[in-house]
Amino acid sequence: GPVSEWRSQEFADLKKEIFDKTKVMISETT
């Protein structure tokens, strides 16, 4: 959905998705 509606949970989920794919951990703040 629209990124303007993303909450902290979506960024936490994105961090996990990126780690799952790349084995690189990017913080939610970043």
mmCIF file of all heavy atoms, coordinates in Angstrom:
data_MODEL
# 
_entry.id   MODEL 
# 
loop_
_atom_site.group_PDB 
_atom_site.id 
_atom_site.type_symbol 
_atom_site.label_atom_id 
_atom_site.label_alt_id 
_atom_site.label_comp_id 
_atom_site.label_asym_id 
_atom_site.label_entity_id 
_atom_site.label_seq_id 
_atom_site.pdbx_PDB_ins_code 
_atom_site.Cartn_x 
_atom_site.Cartn_y 
_atom_site.Cartn_z 
_atom_site.occupancy 
_atom_site.B_iso_or_equiv 
_atom_site.pdbx_formal_charge 
_atom_site.auth_seq_id 
_atom_site.auth_comp_id 
_atom_site.auth_asym_id 
_atom_site.auth_atom_id 
_atom_site.pdbx_PDB_model_num 
ATOM 1   N N   . GLY A 1 1  ? 0.813  -1.198  0.000  1.00 0.00 ? 1  GLY A N   1 
ATOM 2   C CA  . GLY A 1 1  ? 0.000  0.000   0.000  1.00 0.00 ? 1  GLY A CA  1 
ATOM 3   C C   . GLY A 1 1  ? 0.851  1.254   0.000  1.00 0.00 ? 1  GLY A C   1 
ATOM 4   O O   . GLY A 1 1  ? 2.093  1.204   -0.002 1.00 0.00 ? 1  GLY A O   1 
ATOM 5   N N   . PRO A 1 2  ? 0.220  2.432   0.009  1.00 0.00 ? 2  PRO A N   1 
ATOM 6   C CA  . PRO A 1 2  ? 0.950  3.705   -0.040 1.00 0.00 ? 2  PRO A CA  1 
ATOM 7   C C   . PRO A 1 2  ? 1.952  3.820   1.108  1.00 0.00 ? 2  PRO A C   1 
ATOM 8   O O   . PRO A 1 2  ? 1.611  3.556   2.261  1.00 0.00 ? 2  PRO A O   1 
ATOM 9   C CB  . PRO A 1 2  ? -0.164 4.752   0.074  1.00 0.00 ? 2  PRO A CB  1 
ATOM 10  C CG  . PRO A 1 2  ? -1.410 4.040   -0.357 1.00 0.00 ? 2  PRO A CG  1 
ATOM 11  C CD  . PRO A 1 2  ? -1.242 2.628   0.072  1.00 0.00 ? 2  PRO A CD  1 
ATOM 12  N N   . VAL A 1 3  ? 3.161  4.250   0.775  1.00 0.00 ? 3  VAL A N   1 
ATOM 13  C CA  . VAL A 1 3  ? 4.185  4.342   1.802  1.00 0.00 ? 3  VAL A CA  1 
ATOM 14  C C   . VAL A 1 3  ? 3.829  5.390   2.854  1.00 0.00 ? 3  VAL A C   1 
ATOM 15  O O   . VAL A 1 3  ? 4.284  5.313   4.002  1.00 0.00 ? 3  VAL A O   1 
ATOM 16  C CB  . VAL A 1 3  ? 5.553  4.642   1.156  1.00 0.00 ? 3  VAL A CB  1 
ATOM 17  C CG1 . VAL A 1 3  ? 5.585  6.059   0.607  1.00 0.00 ? 3  VAL A CG1 1 
ATOM 18  C CG2 . VAL A 1 3  ? 6.689  4.412   2.136  1.00 0.00 ? 3  VAL A CG2 1 
ATOM 19  N N   . SER A 1 4  ? 3.007  6.344   2.478  1.00 0.00 ? 4  SER A N   1 
ATOM 20  C CA  . SER A 1 4  ? 2.578  7.371   3.438  1.00 0.00 ? 4  SER A CA  1 
ATOM 21  C C   . SER A 1 4  ? 1.774  6.778   4.587  1.00 0.00 ? 4  SER A C   1 
ATOM 22  O O   . SER A 1 4  ? 1.635  7.393   5.640  1.00 0.00 ? 4  SER A O   1 
ATOM 23  C CB  . SER A 1 4  ? 1.754  8.444   2.725  1.00 0.00 ? 4  SER A CB  1 
ATOM 24  O OG  . SER A 1 4  ? 0.601  7.875   2.125  1.00 0.00 ? 4  SER A OG  1 
ATOM 25  N N   . GLU A 1 5  ? 1.236  5.566   4.363  1.00 0.00 ? 5  GLU A N   1 
ATOM 26  C CA  . GLU A 1 5  ? 0.442  4.913   5.402  1.00 0.00 ? 5  GLU A CA  1 
ATOM 27  C C   . GLU A 1 5  ? 1.235  3.864   6.165  1.00 0.00 ? 5  GLU A C   1 
ATOM 28  O O   . GLU A 1 5  ? 0.684  3.208   7.047  1.00 0.00 ? 5  GLU A O   1 
ATOM 29  C CB  . GLU A 1 5  ? -0.785 4.259   4.766  1.00 0.00 ? 5  GLU A CB  1 
ATOM 30  C CG  . GLU A 1 5  ? -1.716 5.258   4.090  1.00 0.00 ? 5  GLU A CG  1 
ATOM 31  C CD  . GLU A 1 5  ? -2.908 4.587   3.435  1.00 0.00 ? 5  GLU A CD  1 
ATOM 32  O OE1 . GLU A 1 5  ? -3.041 3.351   3.565  1.00 0.00 ? 5  GLU A OE1 1 
ATOM 33  O OE2 . GLU A 1 5  ? -3.709 5.301   2.788  1.00 0.00 ? 5  GLU A OE2 1 
ATOM 34  N N   . TRP A 1 6  ? 2.519  3.695   5.831  1.00 0.00 ? 6  TRP A N   1 
ATOM 35  C CA  . TRP A 1 6  ? 3.342  2.725   6.552  1.00 0.00 ? 6  TRP A CA  1 
ATOM 36  C C   . TRP A 1 6  ? 3.538  3.163   7.992  1.00 0.00 ? 6  TRP A C   1 
ATOM 37  O O   . TRP A 1 6  ? 3.774  4.346   8.275  1.00 0.00 ? 6  TRP A O   1 
ATOM 38  C CB  . TRP A 1 6  ? 4.695  2.576   5.879  1.00 0.00 ? 6  TRP A CB  1 
ATOM 39  C CG  . TRP A 1 6  ? 4.676  1.798   4.600  1.00 0.00 ? 6  TRP A CG  1 
ATOM 40  C CD1 . TRP A 1 6  ? 3.572  1.425   3.880  1.00 0.00 ? 6  TRP A CD1 1 
ATOM 41  C CD2 . TRP A 1 6  ? 5.804  1.312   3.868  1.00 0.00 ? 6  TRP A CD2 1 
ATOM 42  N NE1 . TRP A 1 6  ? 3.945  0.745   2.753  1.00 0.00 ? 6  TRP A NE1 1 
ATOM 43  C CE2 . TRP A 1 6  ? 5.303  0.658   2.722  1.00 0.00 ? 6  TRP A CE2 1 
ATOM 44  C CE3 . TRP A 1 6  ? 7.173  1.365   4.071  1.00 0.00 ? 6  TRP A CE3 1 
ATOM 45  C CZ2 . TRP A 1 6  ? 6.154  0.071   1.780  1.00 0.00 ? 6  TRP A CZ2 1 
ATOM 46  C CZ3 . TRP A 1 6  ? 8.023  0.787   3.145  1.00 0.00 ? 6  TRP A CZ3 1 
ATOM 47  C CH2 . TRP A 1 6  ? 7.515  0.139   2.012  1.00 0.00 ? 6  TRP A CH2 1 
ATOM 48  N N   . ARG A 1 7  ? 3.461  2.211   8.884  1.00 0.00 ? 7  ARG A N   1 
ATOM 49  C CA  . ARG A 1 7  ? 3.729  2.447   10.298 1.00 0.00 ? 7  ARG A CA  1 
ATOM 50  C C   . ARG A 1 7  ? 5.101  1.877   10.633 1.00 0.00 ? 7  ARG A C   1 
ATOM 51  O O   . ARG A 1 7  ? 5.814  1.373   9.769  1.00 0.00 ? 7  ARG A O   1 
ATOM 52  C CB  . ARG A 1 7  ? 2.661  1.793   11.155 1.00 0.00 ? 7  ARG A CB  1 
ATOM 53  C CG  . ARG A 1 7  ? 1.227  2.196   10.817 1.00 0.00 ? 7  ARG A CG  1 
ATOM 54  C CD  . ARG A 1 7  ? 0.273  1.112   11.282 1.00 0.00 ? 7  ARG A CD  1 
ATOM 55  N NE  . ARG A 1 7  ? 0.568  -0.160  10.637 1.00 0.00 ? 7  ARG A NE  1 
ATOM 56  C CZ  . ARG A 1 7  ? 0.119  -1.341  11.051 1.00 0.00 ? 7  ARG A CZ  1 
ATOM 57  N NH1 . ARG A 1 7  ? -0.646 -1.401  12.128 1.00 0.00 ? 7  ARG A NH1 1 
ATOM 58  N NH2 . ARG A 1 7  ? 0.430  -2.457  10.412 1.00 0.00 ? 7  ARG A NH2 1 
ATOM 59  N N   . SER A 1 8  ? 5.467  1.955   11.904 1.00 0.00 ? 8  SER A N   1 
ATOM 60  C CA  . SER A 1 8  ? 6.751  1.385   12.324 1.00 0.00 ? 8  SER A CA  1 
ATOM 61  C C   . SER A 1 8  ? 6.817  -0.100  12.026 1.00 0.00 ? 8  SER A C   1 
ATOM 62  O O   . SER A 1 8  ? 7.885  -0.638  11.705 1.00 0.00 ? 8  SER A O   1 
ATOM 63  C CB  . SER A 1 8  ? 6.980  1.632   13.824 1.00 0.00 ? 8  SER A CB  1 
ATOM 64  O OG  . SER A 1 8  ? 7.120  2.998   14.099 1.00 0.00 ? 8  SER A OG  1 
ATOM 65  N N   . GLN A 1 9  ? 5.666  -0.794  12.092 1.00 0.00 ? 9  GLN A N   1 
ATOM 66  C CA  . GLN A 1 9  ? 5.656  -2.231  11.850 1.00 0.00 ? 9  GLN A CA  1 
ATOM 67  C C   . GLN A 1 9  ? 6.091  -2.557  10.427 1.00 0.00 ? 9  GLN A C   1 
ATOM 68  O O   . GLN A 1 9  ? 6.802  -3.535  10.185 1.00 0.00 ? 9  GLN A O   1 
ATOM 69  C CB  . GLN A 1 9  ? 4.268  -2.796  12.118 1.00 0.00 ? 9  GLN A CB  1 
ATOM 70  C CG  . GLN A 1 9  ? 4.198  -4.314  11.978 1.00 0.00 ? 9  GLN A CG  1 
ATOM 71  C CD  . GLN A 1 9  ? 5.114  -5.025  12.952 1.00 0.00 ? 9  GLN A CD  1 
ATOM 72  O OE1 . GLN A 1 9  ? 5.083  -4.740  14.153 1.00 0.00 ? 9  GLN A OE1 1 
ATOM 73  N NE2 . GLN A 1 9  ? 5.949  -5.921  12.460 1.00 0.00 ? 9  GLN A NE2 1 
ATOM 74  N N   . GLU A 1 10 ? 5.650  -1.731  9.447  1.00 0.00 ? 10 GLU A N   1 
ATOM 75  C CA  . GLU A 1 10 ? 6.043  -1.993  8.058  1.00 0.00 ? 10 GLU A CA  1 
ATOM 76  C C   . GLU A 1 10 ? 7.550  -1.851  7.878  1.00 0.00 ? 10 GLU A C   1 
ATOM 77  O O   . GLU A 1 10 ? 8.174  -2.638  7.144  1.00 0.00 ? 10 GLU A O   1 
ATOM 78  C CB  . GLU A 1 10 ? 5.308  -1.050  7.107  1.00 0.00 ? 10 GLU A CB  1 
ATOM 79  C CG  . GLU A 1 10 ? 3.920  -1.507  6.702  1.00 0.00 ? 10 GLU A CG  1 
ATOM 80  C CD  . GLU A 1 10 ? 2.911  -1.427  7.837  1.00 0.00 ? 10 GLU A CD  1 
ATOM 81  O OE1 . GLU A 1 10 ? 3.064  -0.563  8.732  1.00 0.00 ? 10 GLU A OE1 1 
ATOM 82  O OE2 . GLU A 1 10 ? 1.955  -2.223  7.841  1.00 0.00 ? 10 GLU A OE2 1 
ATOM 83  N N   . PHE A 1 11 ? 8.156  -0.880  8.539  1.00 0.00 ? 11 PHE A N   1 
ATOM 84  C CA  . PHE A 1 11 ? 9.605  -0.725  8.415  1.00 0.00 ? 11 PHE A CA  1 
ATOM 85  C C   . PHE A 1 11 ? 10.335 -1.854  9.131  1.00 0.00 ? 11 PHE A C   1 
ATOM 86  O O   . PHE A 1 11 ? 11.399 -2.303  8.682  1.00 0.00 ? 11 PHE A O   1 
ATOM 87  C CB  . PHE A 1 11 ? 10.039 0.646   8.952  1.00 0.00 ? 11 PHE A CB  1 
ATOM 88  C CG  . PHE A 1 11 ? 9.635  1.782   8.057  1.00 0.00 ? 11 PHE A CG  1 
ATOM 89  C CD1 . PHE A 1 11 ? 8.531  2.560   8.351  1.00 0.00 ? 11 PHE A CD1 1 
ATOM 90  C CD2 . PHE A 1 11 ? 10.359 2.061   6.904  1.00 0.00 ? 11 PHE A CD2 1 
ATOM 91  C CE1 . PHE A 1 11 ? 8.147  3.599   7.513  1.00 0.00 ? 11 PHE A CE1 1 
ATOM 92  C CE2 . PHE A 1 11 ? 9.991  3.091   6.065  1.00 0.00 ? 11 PHE A CE2 1 
ATOM 93  C CZ  . PHE A 1 11 ? 8.877  3.874   6.369  1.00 0.00 ? 11 PHE A CZ  1 
ATOM 94  N N   . ALA A 1 12 ? 9.779  -2.331  10.231 1.00 0.00 ? 12 ALA A N   1 
ATOM 95  C CA  . ALA A 1 12 ? 10.366 -3.497  10.905 1.00 0.00 ? 12 ALA A CA  1 
ATOM 96  C C   . ALA A 1 12 ? 10.270 -4.729  10.011 1.00 0.00 ? 12 ALA A C   1 
ATOM 97  O O   . ALA A 1 12 ? 11.214 -5.527  9.910  1.00 0.00 ? 12 ALA A O   1 
ATOM 98  C CB  . ALA A 1 12 ? 9.660  -3.750  12.239 1.00 0.00 ? 12 ALA A CB  1 
ATOM 99  N N   . ASP A 1 13 ? 9.130  -4.880  9.324  1.00 0.00 ? 13 ASP A N   1 
ATOM 100 C CA  . ASP A 1 13 ? 8.961  -6.010  8.413  1.00 0.00 ? 13 ASP A CA  1 
ATOM 101 C C   . ASP A 1 13 ? 9.905  -5.898  7.219  1.00 0.00 ? 13 ASP A C   1 
ATOM 102 O O   . ASP A 1 13 ? 10.459 -6.903  6.757  1.00 0.00 ? 13 ASP A O   1 
ATOM 103 C CB  . ASP A 1 13 ? 7.515  -6.081  7.928  1.00 0.00 ? 13 ASP A CB  1 
ATOM 104 C CG  . ASP A 1 13 ? 6.541  -6.437  9.042  1.00 0.00 ? 13 ASP A CG  1 
ATOM 105 O OD1 . ASP A 1 13 ? 6.990  -6.982  10.059 1.00 0.00 ? 13 ASP A OD1 1 
ATOM 106 O OD2 . ASP A 1 13 ? 5.338  -6.163  8.887  1.00 0.00 ? 13 ASP A OD2 1 
ATOM 107 N N   . LEU A 1 14 ? 10.098 -4.670  6.723  1.00 0.00 ? 14 LEU A N   1 
ATOM 108 C CA  . LEU A 1 14 ? 11.014 -4.474  5.595  1.00 0.00 ? 14 LEU A CA  1 
ATOM 109 C C   . LEU A 1 14 ? 12.435 -4.836  5.996  1.00 0.00 ? 14 LEU A C   1 
ATOM 110 O O   . LEU A 1 14 ? 13.181 -5.442  5.208  1.00 0.00 ? 14 LEU A O   1 
ATOM 111 C CB  . LEU A 1 14 ? 10.934 -3.023  5.108  1.00 0.00 ? 14 LEU A CB  1 
ATOM 112 C CG  . LEU A 1 14 ? 11.892 -2.647  3.963  1.00 0.00 ? 14 LEU A CG  1 
ATOM 113 C CD1 . LEU A 1 14 ? 11.710 -3.571  2.767  1.00 0.00 ? 14 LEU A CD1 1 
ATOM 114 C CD2 . LEU A 1 14 ? 11.685 -1.191  3.570  1.00 0.00 ? 14 LEU A CD2 1 
ATOM 115 N N   . LYS A 1 15 ? 12.820 -4.480  7.220  1.00 0.00 ? 15 LYS A N   1 
ATOM 116 C CA  . LYS A 1 15 ? 14.153 -4.866  7.708  1.00 0.00 ? 15 LYS A CA  1 
ATOM 117 C C   . LYS A 1 15 ? 14.325 -6.379  7.653  1.00 0.00 ? 15 LYS A C   1 
ATOM 118 O O   . LYS A 1 15 ? 15.363 -6.893  7.207  1.00 0.00 ? 15 LYS A O   1 
ATOM 119 C CB  . LYS A 1 15 ? 14.347 -4.364  9.142  1.00 0.00 ? 15 LYS A CB  1 
ATOM 120 C CG  . LYS A 1 15 ? 15.684 -4.756  9.758  1.00 0.00 ? 15 LYS A CG  1 
ATOM 121 C CD  . LYS A 1 15 ? 15.819 -4.240  11.185 1.00 0.00 ? 15 LYS A CD  1 
ATOM 122 C CE  . LYS A 1 15 ? 14.952 -5.039  12.137 1.00 0.00 ? 15 LYS A CE  1 
ATOM 123 N NZ  . LYS A 1 15 ? 15.212 -4.685  13.552 1.00 0.00 ? 15 LYS A NZ  1 
ATOM 124 N N   . LYS A 1 16 ? 13.306 -7.112  8.077  1.00 0.00 ? 16 LYS A N   1 
ATOM 125 C CA  . LYS A 1 16 ? 13.377 -8.572  8.053  1.00 0.00 ? 16 LYS A CA  1 
ATOM 126 C C   . LYS A 1 16 ? 13.413 -9.111  6.632  1.00 0.00 ? 16 LYS A C   1 
ATOM 127 O O   . LYS A 1 16 ? 14.142 -10.055 6.328  1.00 0.00 ? 16 LYS A O   1 
ATOM 128 C CB  . LYS A 1 16 ? 12.182 -9.160  8.812  1.00 0.00 ? 16 LYS A CB  1 
ATOM 129 C CG  . LYS A 1 16 ? 12.196 -8.857  10.304 1.00 0.00 ? 16 LYS A CG  1 
ATOM 130 C CD  . LYS A 1 16 ? 10.943 -9.407  10.978 1.00 0.00 ? 16 LYS A CD  1 
ATOM 131 C CE  . LYS A 1 16 ? 10.918 -9.087  12.461 1.00 0.00 ? 16 LYS A CE  1 
ATOM 132 N NZ  . LYS A 1 16 ? 9.689  -9.577  13.124 1.00 0.00 ? 16 LYS A NZ  1 
ATOM 133 N N   . GLU A 1 17 ? 12.608 -8.509  5.739  1.00 0.00 ? 17 GLU A N   1 
ATOM 134 C CA  . GLU A 1 17 ? 12.572 -8.953  4.352  1.00 0.00 ? 17 GLU A CA  1 
ATOM 135 C C   . GLU A 1 17 ? 13.943 -8.762  3.695  1.00 0.00 ? 17 GLU A C   1 
ATOM 136 O O   . GLU A 1 17 ? 14.425 -9.638  2.961  1.00 0.00 ? 17 GLU A O   1 
ATOM 137 C CB  . GLU A 1 17 ? 11.512 -8.161  3.573  1.00 0.00 ? 17 GLU A CB  1 
ATOM 138 C CG  . GLU A 1 17 ? 10.081 -8.398  4.026  1.00 0.00 ? 17 GLU A CG  1 
ATOM 139 C CD  . GLU A 1 17 ? 9.464  -9.640  3.388  1.00 0.00 ? 17 GLU A CD  1 
ATOM 140 O OE1 . GLU A 1 17 ? 10.096 -10.222 2.499  1.00 0.00 ? 17 GLU A OE1 1 
ATOM 141 O OE2 . GLU A 1 17 ? 8.344  -10.013 3.796  1.00 0.00 ? 17 GLU A OE2 1 
ATOM 142 N N   . ILE A 1 18 ? 14.581 -7.625  3.944  1.00 0.00 ? 18 ILE A N   1 
ATOM 143 C CA  . ILE A 1 18 ? 15.895 -7.364  3.361  1.00 0.00 ? 18 ILE A CA  1 
ATOM 144 C C   . ILE A 1 18 ? 16.927 -8.324  3.923  1.00 0.00 ? 18 ILE A C   1 
ATOM 145 O O   . ILE A 1 18 ? 17.768 -8.856  3.190  1.00 0.00 ? 18 ILE A O   1 
ATOM 146 C CB  . ILE A 1 18 ? 16.305 -5.895  3.613  1.00 0.00 ? 18 ILE A CB  1 
ATOM 147 C CG1 . ILE A 1 18 ? 15.387 -4.953  2.819  1.00 0.00 ? 18 ILE A CG1 1 
ATOM 148 C CG2 . ILE A 1 18 ? 17.764 -5.662  3.236  1.00 0.00 ? 18 ILE A CG2 1 
ATOM 149 C CD1 . ILE A 1 18 ? 15.594 -3.490  3.115  1.00 0.00 ? 18 ILE A CD1 1 
ATOM 150 N N   . PHE A 1 19 ? 16.868 -8.574  5.232  1.00 0.00 ? 19 PHE A N   1 
ATOM 151 C CA  . PHE A 1 19 ? 17.819 -9.512  5.832  1.00 0.00 ? 19 PHE A CA  1 
ATOM 152 C C   . PHE A 1 19 ? 17.624 -10.917 5.272  1.00 0.00 ? 19 PHE A C   1 
ATOM 153 O O   . PHE A 1 19 ? 18.589 -11.638 4.998  1.00 0.00 ? 19 PHE A O   1 
ATOM 154 C CB  . PHE A 1 19 ? 17.657 -9.527  7.350  1.00 0.00 ? 19 PHE A CB  1 
ATOM 155 C CG  . PHE A 1 19 ? 18.621 -10.457 8.050  1.00 0.00 ? 19 PHE A CG  1 
ATOM 156 C CD1 . PHE A 1 19 ? 19.928 -10.078 8.250  1.00 0.00 ? 19 PHE A CD1 1 
ATOM 157 C CD2 . PHE A 1 19 ? 18.215 -11.701 8.484  1.00 0.00 ? 19 PHE A CD2 1 
ATOM 158 C CE1 . PHE A 1 19 ? 20.822 -10.931 8.882  1.00 0.00 ? 19 PHE A CE1 1 
ATOM 159 C CE2 . PHE A 1 19 ? 19.093 -12.568 9.101  1.00 0.00 ? 19 PHE A CE2 1 
ATOM 160 C CZ  . PHE A 1 19 ? 20.406 -12.168 9.315  1.00 0.00 ? 19 PHE A CZ  1 
ATOM 161 N N   . ASP A 1 20 ? 16.376 -11.309 5.095  1.00 0.00 ? 20 ASP A N   1 
ATOM 162 C CA  . ASP A 1 20 ? 16.072 -12.624 4.538  1.00 0.00 ? 20 ASP A CA  1 
ATOM 163 C C   . ASP A 1 20 ? 16.684 -12.791 3.156  1.00 0.00 ? 20 ASP A C   1 
ATOM 164 O O   . ASP A 1 20 ? 17.243 -13.839 2.825  1.00 0.00 ? 20 ASP A O   1 
ATOM 165 C CB  . ASP A 1 20 ? 14.551 -12.793 4.469  1.00 0.00 ? 20 ASP A CB  1 
ATOM 166 C CG  . ASP A 1 20 ? 14.136 -14.179 3.991  1.00 0.00 ? 20 ASP A CG  1 
ATOM 167 O OD1 . ASP A 1 20 ? 14.964 -15.093 4.042  1.00 0.00 ? 20 ASP A OD1 1 
ATOM 168 O OD2 . ASP A 1 20 ? 12.972 -14.345 3.595  1.00 0.00 ? 20 ASP A OD2 1 
ATOM 169 N N   . LYS A 1 21 ? 16.627 -11.748 2.353  1.00 0.00 ? 21 LYS A N   1 
ATOM 170 C CA  . LYS A 1 21 ? 17.102 -11.814 0.963  1.00 0.00 ? 21 LYS A CA  1 
ATOM 171 C C   . LYS A 1 21 ? 18.602 -11.621 0.854  1.00 0.00 ? 21 LYS A C   1 
ATOM 172 O O   . LYS A 1 21 ? 19.263 -12.272 0.038  1.00 0.00 ? 21 LYS A O   1 
ATOM 173 C CB  . LYS A 1 21 ? 16.380 -10.732 0.152  1.00 0.00 ? 21 LYS A CB  1 
ATOM 174 C CG  . LYS A 1 21 ? 16.822 -10.606 -1.294 1.00 0.00 ? 21 LYS A CG  1 
ATOM 175 C CD  . LYS A 1 21 ? 16.236 -11.683 -2.160 1.00 0.00 ? 21 LYS A CD  1 
ATOM 176 C CE  . LYS A 1 21 ? 16.547 -11.417 -3.633 1.00 0.00 ? 21 LYS A CE  1 
ATOM 177 N NZ  . LYS A 1 21 ? 15.988 -12.454 -4.509 1.00 0.00 ? 21 LYS A NZ  1 
ATOM 178 N N   . THR A 1 22 ? 19.187 -10.738 1.686  1.00 0.00 ? 22 THR A N   1 
ATOM 179 C CA  . THR A 1 22 ? 20.573 -10.305 1.464  1.00 0.00 ? 22 THR A CA  1 
ATOM 180 C C   . THR A 1 22 ? 21.529 -10.670 2.583  1.00 0.00 ? 22 THR A C   1 
ATOM 181 O O   . THR A 1 22 ? 22.739 -10.537 2.399  1.00 0.00 ? 22 THR A O   1 
ATOM 182 C CB  . THR A 1 22 ? 20.627 -8.781  1.282  1.00 0.00 ? 22 THR A CB  1 
ATOM 183 O OG1 . THR A 1 22 ? 20.333 -8.126  2.527  1.00 0.00 ? 22 THR A OG1 1 
ATOM 184 C CG2 . THR A 1 22 ? 19.629 -8.315  0.232  1.00 0.00 ? 22 THR A CG2 1 
ATOM 185 N N   . LYS A 1 23 ? 20.987 -11.068 3.746  1.00 0.00 ? 23 LYS A N   1 
ATOM 186 C CA  . LYS A 1 23 ? 21.801 -11.311 4.958  1.00 0.00 ? 23 LYS A CA  1 
ATOM 187 C C   . LYS A 1 23 ? 22.467 -10.023 5.453  1.00 0.00 ? 23 LYS A C   1 
ATOM 188 O O   . LYS A 1 23 ? 23.473 -10.046 6.159  1.00 0.00 ? 23 LYS A O   1 
ATOM 189 C CB  . LYS A 1 23 ? 22.853 -12.387 4.724  1.00 0.00 ? 23 LYS A CB  1 
ATOM 190 C CG  . LYS A 1 23 ? 22.291 -13.737 4.381  1.00 0.00 ? 23 LYS A CG  1 
ATOM 191 C CD  . LYS A 1 23 ? 21.404 -14.292 5.495  1.00 0.00 ? 23 LYS A CD  1 
ATOM 192 C CE  . LYS A 1 23 ? 22.205 -14.677 6.724  1.00 0.00 ? 23 LYS A CE  1 
ATOM 193 N NZ  . LYS A 1 23 ? 23.038 -15.833 6.495  1.00 0.00 ? 23 LYS A NZ  1 
ATOM 194 N N   . VAL A 1 24 ? 21.917 -8.879  5.074  1.00 0.00 ? 24 VAL A N   1 
ATOM 195 C CA  . VAL A 1 24 ? 22.405 -7.579  5.535  1.00 0.00 ? 24 VAL A CA  1 
ATOM 196 C C   . VAL A 1 24 ? 21.316 -6.955  6.401  1.00 0.00 ? 24 VAL A C   1 
ATOM 197 O O   . VAL A 1 24 ? 20.154 -6.900  6.001  1.00 0.00 ? 24 VAL A O   1 
ATOM 198 C CB  . VAL A 1 24 ? 22.743 -6.642  4.364  1.00 0.00 ? 24 VAL A CB  1 
ATOM 199 C CG1 . VAL A 1 24 ? 23.112 -5.248  4.872  1.00 0.00 ? 24 VAL A CG1 1 
ATOM 200 C CG2 . VAL A 1 24 ? 23.882 -7.222  3.533  1.00 0.00 ? 24 VAL A CG2 1 
ATOM 201 N N   . MET A 1 25 ? 21.710 -6.507  7.592  1.00 0.00 ? 25 MET A N   1 
ATOM 202 C CA  . MET A 1 25 ? 20.747 -5.923  8.515  1.00 0.00 ? 25 MET A CA  1 
ATOM 203 C C   . MET A 1 25 ? 20.799 -4.400  8.394  1.00 0.00 ? 25 MET A C   1 
ATOM 204 O O   . MET A 1 25 ? 21.824 -3.774  8.677  1.00 0.00 ? 25 MET A O   1 
ATOM 205 C CB  . MET A 1 25 ? 21.066 -6.342  9.949  1.00 0.00 ? 25 MET A CB  1 
ATOM 206 C CG  . MET A 1 25 ? 20.020 -5.910  10.954 1.00 0.00 ? 25 MET A CG  1 
ATOM 207 S SD  . MET A 1 25 ? 18.468 -6.825  10.762 1.00 0.00 ? 25 MET A SD  1 
ATOM 208 C CE  . MET A 1 25 ? 18.934 -8.413  11.455 1.00 0.00 ? 25 MET A CE  1 
ATOM 209 N N   . ILE A 1 26 ? 19.693 -3.793  7.943  1.00 0.00 ? 26 ILE A N   1 
ATOM 210 C CA  . ILE A 1 26 ? 19.557 -2.339  7.884  1.00 0.00 ? 26 ILE A CA  1 
ATOM 211 C C   . ILE A 1 26 ? 18.562 -1.936  8.959  1.00 0.00 ? 26 ILE A C   1 
ATOM 212 O O   . ILE A 1 26 ? 17.466 -2.491  9.033  1.00 0.00 ? 26 ILE A O   1 
ATOM 213 C CB  . ILE A 1 26 ? 19.062 -1.872  6.509  1.00 0.00 ? 26 ILE A CB  1 
ATOM 214 C CG1 . ILE A 1 26 ? 20.026 -2.344  5.410  1.00 0.00 ? 26 ILE A CG1 1 
ATOM 215 C CG2 . ILE A 1 26 ? 18.941 -0.356  6.469  1.00 0.00 ? 26 ILE A CG2 1 
ATOM 216 C CD1 . ILE A 1 26 ? 19.555 -1.980  4.013  1.00 0.00 ? 26 ILE A CD1 1 
ATOM 217 N N   . SER A 1 27 ? 18.920 -0.990  9.777  1.00 0.00 ? 27 SER A N   1 
ATOM 218 C CA  . SER A 1 27 ? 18.056 -0.628  10.898 1.00 0.00 ? 27 SER A CA  1 
ATOM 219 C C   . SER A 1 27 ? 16.767 0.026   10.407 1.00 0.00 ? 27 SER A C   1 
ATOM 220 O O   . SER A 1 27 ? 16.706 0.597   9.310  1.00 0.00 ? 27 SER A O   1 
ATOM 221 C CB  . SER A 1 27 ? 18.789 0.327   11.840 1.00 0.00 ? 27 SER A CB  1 
ATOM 222 O OG  . SER A 1 27 ? 18.942 1.604   11.252 1.00 0.00 ? 27 SER A OG  1 
ATOM 223 N N   . GLU A 1 28 ? 15.736 -0.056  11.247 1.00 0.00 ? 28 GLU A N   1 
ATOM 224 C CA  . GLU A 1 28 ? 14.462 0.585   10.922 1.00 0.00 ? 28 GLU A CA  1 
ATOM 225 C C   . GLU A 1 28 ? 14.635 2.094   10.781 1.00 0.00 ? 28 GLU A C   1 
ATOM 226 O O   . GLU A 1 28 ? 14.018 2.728   9.919  1.00 0.00 ? 28 GLU A O   1 
ATOM 227 C CB  . GLU A 1 28 ? 13.438 0.265   12.007 1.00 0.00 ? 28 GLU A CB  1 
ATOM 228 C CG  . GLU A 1 28 ? 13.079 -1.208  12.098 1.00 0.00 ? 28 GLU A CG  1 
ATOM 229 C CD  . GLU A 1 28 ? 12.310 -1.524  13.359 1.00 0.00 ? 28 GLU A CD  1 
ATOM 230 O OE1 . GLU A 1 28 ? 11.449 -0.704  13.731 1.00 0.00 ? 28 GLU A OE1 1 
ATOM 231 O OE2 . GLU A 1 28 ? 12.572 -2.575  13.973 1.00 0.00 ? 28 GLU A OE2 1 
ATOM 232 N N   . THR A 1 29 ? 15.496 2.683   11.622 1.00 0.00 ? 29 THR A N   1 
ATOM 233 C CA  . THR A 1 29 ? 15.726 4.125   11.545 1.00 0.00 ? 29 THR A CA  1 
ATOM 234 C C   . THR A 1 29 ? 16.327 4.511   10.208 1.00 0.00 ? 29 THR A C   1 
ATOM 235 O O   . THR A 1 29 ? 15.922 5.504   9.586  1.00 0.00 ? 29 THR A O   1 
ATOM 236 C CB  . THR A 1 29 ? 16.652 4.567   12.687 1.00 0.00 ? 29 THR A CB  1 
ATOM 237 O OG1 . THR A 1 29 ? 16.046 4.246   13.941 1.00 0.00 ? 29 THR A OG1 1 
ATOM 238 C CG2 . THR A 1 29 ? 16.903 6.067   12.629 1.00 0.00 ? 29 THR A CG2 1 
ATOM 239 N N   . THR A 1 30 ? 17.303 3.709   9.731  1.00 0.00 ? 30 THR A N   1 
ATOM 240 C CA  . THR A 1 30 ? 17.900 3.996   8.429  1.00 0.00 ? 30 THR A CA  1 
ATOM 241 C C   . THR A 1 30 ? 16.866 3.914   7.324  1.00 0.00 ? 30 THR A C   1 
ATOM 242 O O   . THR A 1 30 ? 16.814 4.763   6.423  1.00 0.00 ? 30 THR A O   1 
ATOM 243 C CB  . THR A 1 30 ? 19.047 3.017   8.152  1.00 0.00 ? 30 THR A CB  1 
ATOM 244 O OG1 . THR A 1 30 ? 20.079 3.214   9.129  1.00 0.00 ? 30 THR A OG1 1 
ATOM 245 C CG2 . THR A 1 30 ? 19.634 3.231   6.764  1.00 0.00 ? 30 THR A CG2 1 
# 
